[in-house]
Amino acid sequence: MYAAVRRYEGVTDPAEAARLVNEGFVRLMREVPGFVAYYWVDAGNGVMVSTSVFQDRAGAEESISRASDFVRDNLASLLPNPPQVMAGAVVASA
C-alpha cells in the first residue's frame, strides 16, 4: 500500500473547507483505482491534514494530482498556502 499526506497551514475557514472536501473531493478519491481510504483532519490552529491510502503508488500519485486541481478550483481562498506533500510506501499498519 501507498499513502499520500498533505499538510495545509493558514486555513481561513476549517469548517467550510471540511464541507467542500466532504461534498466534492471525497468522491474524487473513491474514483481513483486502488482506493483504500481517505481522511481529512482538522488539527486546529488553521492546520488541516489529508491522508490518502491506495493499493499502489500510481493511486497515491493520482491523489496528489487530483488534490492540487481540487484545491486550485474549489479551495484556493480557504487554503492560501501551498501544502507540504509527502508520499511513500506504507511500512506498518493496524
C-alpha atoms as a PDB file:
ATOM      1  CA  MET A   1       0.000   0.000   0.000  1.00  0.00           C
ATOM      2  CA  TYR A   2       0.994   3.623  -0.556  1.00  0.00           C
ATOM      3  CA  ALA A   3      -0.091   6.788   1.201  1.00  0.00           C
ATOM      4  CA  ALA A   4      -0.061  10.470   0.328  1.00  0.00           C
ATOM      5  CA  VAL A   5      -0.176  13.054   3.101  1.00  0.00           C
ATOM      6  CA  ARG A   6      -0.831  16.753   2.519  1.00  0.00           C
ATOM      7  CA  ARG A   7      -0.490  19.335   5.325  1.00  0.00           C
ATOM      8  CA  TYR A   8      -2.178  22.703   4.850  1.00  0.00           C
ATOM      9  CA  GLU A   9      -1.359  25.694   7.074  1.00  0.00           C
ATOM     10  CA  GLY A  10      -3.176  29.024   7.298  1.00  0.00           C
ATOM     11  CA  VAL A  11      -6.618  27.560   6.610  1.00  0.00           C
ATOM     12  CA  THR A  12      -9.017  30.503   6.793  1.00  0.00           C
ATOM     13  CA  ASP A  13     -12.267  28.586   7.445  1.00  0.00           C
ATOM     14  CA  PRO A  14     -11.759  24.968   8.510  1.00  0.00           C
ATOM     15  CA  ALA A  15     -15.496  24.211   8.717  1.00  0.00           C
ATOM     16  CA  GLU A  16     -16.118  25.378   5.153  1.00  0.00           C
ATOM     17  CA  ALA A  17     -13.023  23.567   3.884  1.00  0.00           C
ATOM     18  CA  ALA A  18     -14.275  20.374   5.541  1.00  0.00           C
ATOM     19  CA  ARG A  19     -17.710  20.795   3.983  1.00  0.00           C
ATOM     20  CA  LEU A  20     -16.304  21.274   0.489  1.00  0.00           C
ATOM     21  CA  VAL A  21     -13.895  18.363   0.828  1.00  0.00           C
ATOM     22  CA  ASN A  22     -16.639  16.088   2.128  1.00  0.00           C
ATOM     23  CA  GLU A  23     -19.125  17.105  -0.576  1.00  0.00           C
ATOM     24  CA  GLY A  24     -16.742  17.085  -3.537  1.00  0.00           C
ATOM     25  CA  PHE A  25     -13.253  15.741  -3.032  1.00  0.00           C
ATOM     26  CA  VAL A  26     -14.123  12.511  -1.218  1.00  0.00           C
ATOM     27  CA  ARG A  27     -15.998  11.284  -4.299  1.00  0.00           C
ATOM     28  CA  LEU A  28     -12.960  12.033  -6.480  1.00  0.00           C
ATOM     29  CA  MET A  29     -10.727   9.961  -4.212  1.00  0.00           C
ATOM     30  CA  ARG A  30     -13.104   6.988  -4.306  1.00  0.00           C
ATOM     31  CA  GLU A  31     -12.889   7.022  -8.119  1.00  0.00           C
ATOM     32  CA  VAL A  32      -9.090   6.571  -8.165  1.00  0.00           C
ATOM     33  CA  PRO A  33      -8.137   2.953  -8.939  1.00  0.00           C
ATOM     34  CA  GLY A  34      -6.761   1.162  -5.901  1.00  0.00           C
ATOM     35  CA  PHE A  35      -8.504   3.440  -3.387  1.00  0.00           C
ATOM     36  CA  VAL A  36      -8.338   2.175   0.213  1.00  0.00           C
ATOM     37  CA  ALA A  37      -9.101   5.139   2.492  1.00  0.00           C
ATOM     38  CA  TYR A  38      -9.177   8.939   2.738  1.00  0.00           C
ATOM     39  CA  TYR A  39      -9.103  11.160   5.831  1.00  0.00           C
ATOM     40  CA  TRP A  40      -9.383  14.951   6.206  1.00  0.00           C
ATOM     41  CA  VAL A  41      -8.260  16.071   9.669  1.00  0.00           C
ATOM     42  CA  ASP A  42      -8.702  19.417  11.406  1.00  0.00           C
ATOM     43  CA  ALA A  43      -5.518  19.631  13.505  1.00  0.00           C
ATOM     44  CA  GLY A  44      -6.502  23.027  14.932  1.00  0.00           C
ATOM     45  CA  ASN A  45      -4.859  26.444  14.709  1.00  0.00           C
ATOM     46  CA  GLY A  46      -5.503  26.712  10.964  1.00  0.00           C
ATOM     47  CA  VAL A  47      -3.844  23.394  10.126  1.00  0.00           C
ATOM     48  CA  MET A  48      -5.606  20.642   8.183  1.00  0.00           C
ATOM     49  CA  VAL A  49      -4.111  17.357   7.021  1.00  0.00           C
ATOM     50  CA  SER A  50      -5.317  14.899   4.417  1.00  0.00           C
ATOM     51  CA  THR A  51      -4.223  11.287   4.147  1.00  0.00           C
ATOM     52  CA  SER A  52      -4.996   9.151   1.109  1.00  0.00           C
ATOM     53  CA  VAL A  53      -4.236   5.429   1.080  1.00  0.00           C
ATOM     54  CA  PHE A  54      -4.089   3.325  -2.081  1.00  0.00           C
ATOM     55  CA  GLN A  55      -3.106  -0.179  -3.078  1.00  0.00           C
ATOM     56  CA  ASP A  56      -0.276   1.111  -5.268  1.00  0.00           C
ATOM     57  CA  ARG A  57       1.994   4.069  -5.938  1.00  0.00           C
ATOM     58  CA  ALA A  58       0.053   5.148  -9.036  1.00  0.00           C
ATOM     59  CA  GLY A  59      -3.075   5.711  -6.954  1.00  0.00           C
ATOM     60  CA  ALA A  60      -1.207   7.795  -4.384  1.00  0.00           C
ATOM     61  CA  GLU A  61       0.337   9.915  -7.132  1.00  0.00           C
ATOM     62  CA  GLU A  62      -3.066  10.373  -8.796  1.00  0.00           C
ATOM     63  CA  SER A  63      -4.481  11.558  -5.460  1.00  0.00           C
ATOM     64  CA  ILE A  64      -1.783  14.239  -5.243  1.00  0.00           C
ATOM     65  CA  SER A  65      -2.662  15.472  -8.722  1.00  0.00           C
ATOM     66  CA  ARG A  66      -6.399  15.476  -8.035  1.00  0.00           C
ATOM     67  CA  ALA A  67      -5.887  17.270  -4.718  1.00  0.00           C
ATOM     68  CA  SER A  68      -3.885  20.006  -6.402  1.00  0.00           C
ATOM     69  CA  ASP A  69      -6.589  20.518  -9.026  1.00  0.00           C
ATOM     70  CA  PHE A  70      -9.415  20.467  -6.475  1.00  0.00           C
ATOM     71  CA  VAL A  71      -7.713  22.995  -4.205  1.00  0.00           C
ATOM     72  CA  ARG A  72      -6.996  25.296  -7.148  1.00  0.00           C
ATOM     73  CA  ASP A  73     -10.567  25.087  -8.437  1.00  0.00           C
ATOM     74  CA  ASN A  74     -12.541  24.994  -5.173  1.00  0.00           C
ATOM     75  CA  LEU A  75     -10.497  25.856  -2.089  1.00  0.00           C
ATOM     76  CA  ALA A  76      -7.922  28.467  -3.091  1.00  0.00           C
ATOM     77  CA  SER A  77      -9.376  31.174  -0.847  1.00  0.00           C
ATOM     78  CA  LEU A  78      -9.617  28.794   2.129  1.00  0.00           C
ATOM     79  CA  LEU A  79      -6.203  27.146   1.711  1.00  0.00           C
ATOM     80  CA  PRO A  80      -3.983  30.105   0.757  1.00  0.00           C
ATOM     81  CA  ASN A  81      -0.629  28.389   1.298  1.00  0.00           C
ATOM     82  CA  PRO A  82       0.819  25.521  -0.724  1.00  0.00           C
ATOM     83  CA  PRO A  83       0.681  22.232   1.174  1.00  0.00           C
ATOM     84  CA  GLN A  84       3.573  20.148   2.398  1.00  0.00           C
ATOM     85  CA  VAL A  85       3.181  16.926   0.390  1.00  0.00           C
ATOM     86  CA  MET A  86       4.654  13.577   1.352  1.00  0.00           C
ATOM     87  CA  ALA A  87       4.078  10.168  -0.186  1.00  0.00           C
ATOM     88  CA  GLY A  88       5.517   6.723   0.211  1.00  0.00           C
ATOM     89  CA  ALA A  89       5.068   3.056   0.863  1.00  0.00           C
ATOM     90  CA  VAL A  90       3.068   2.064   3.934  1.00  0.00           C
ATOM     91  CA  VAL A  91       5.533   0.045   6.007  1.00  0.00           C
ATOM     92  CA  ALA A  92       3.304  -0.621   9.047  1.00  0.00           C
ATOM     93  CA  SER A  93      -0.443  -0.524   9.653  1.00  0.00           C
ATOM     94  CA  ALA A  94      -3.076  -1.618  12.119  1.00  0.00           C
END
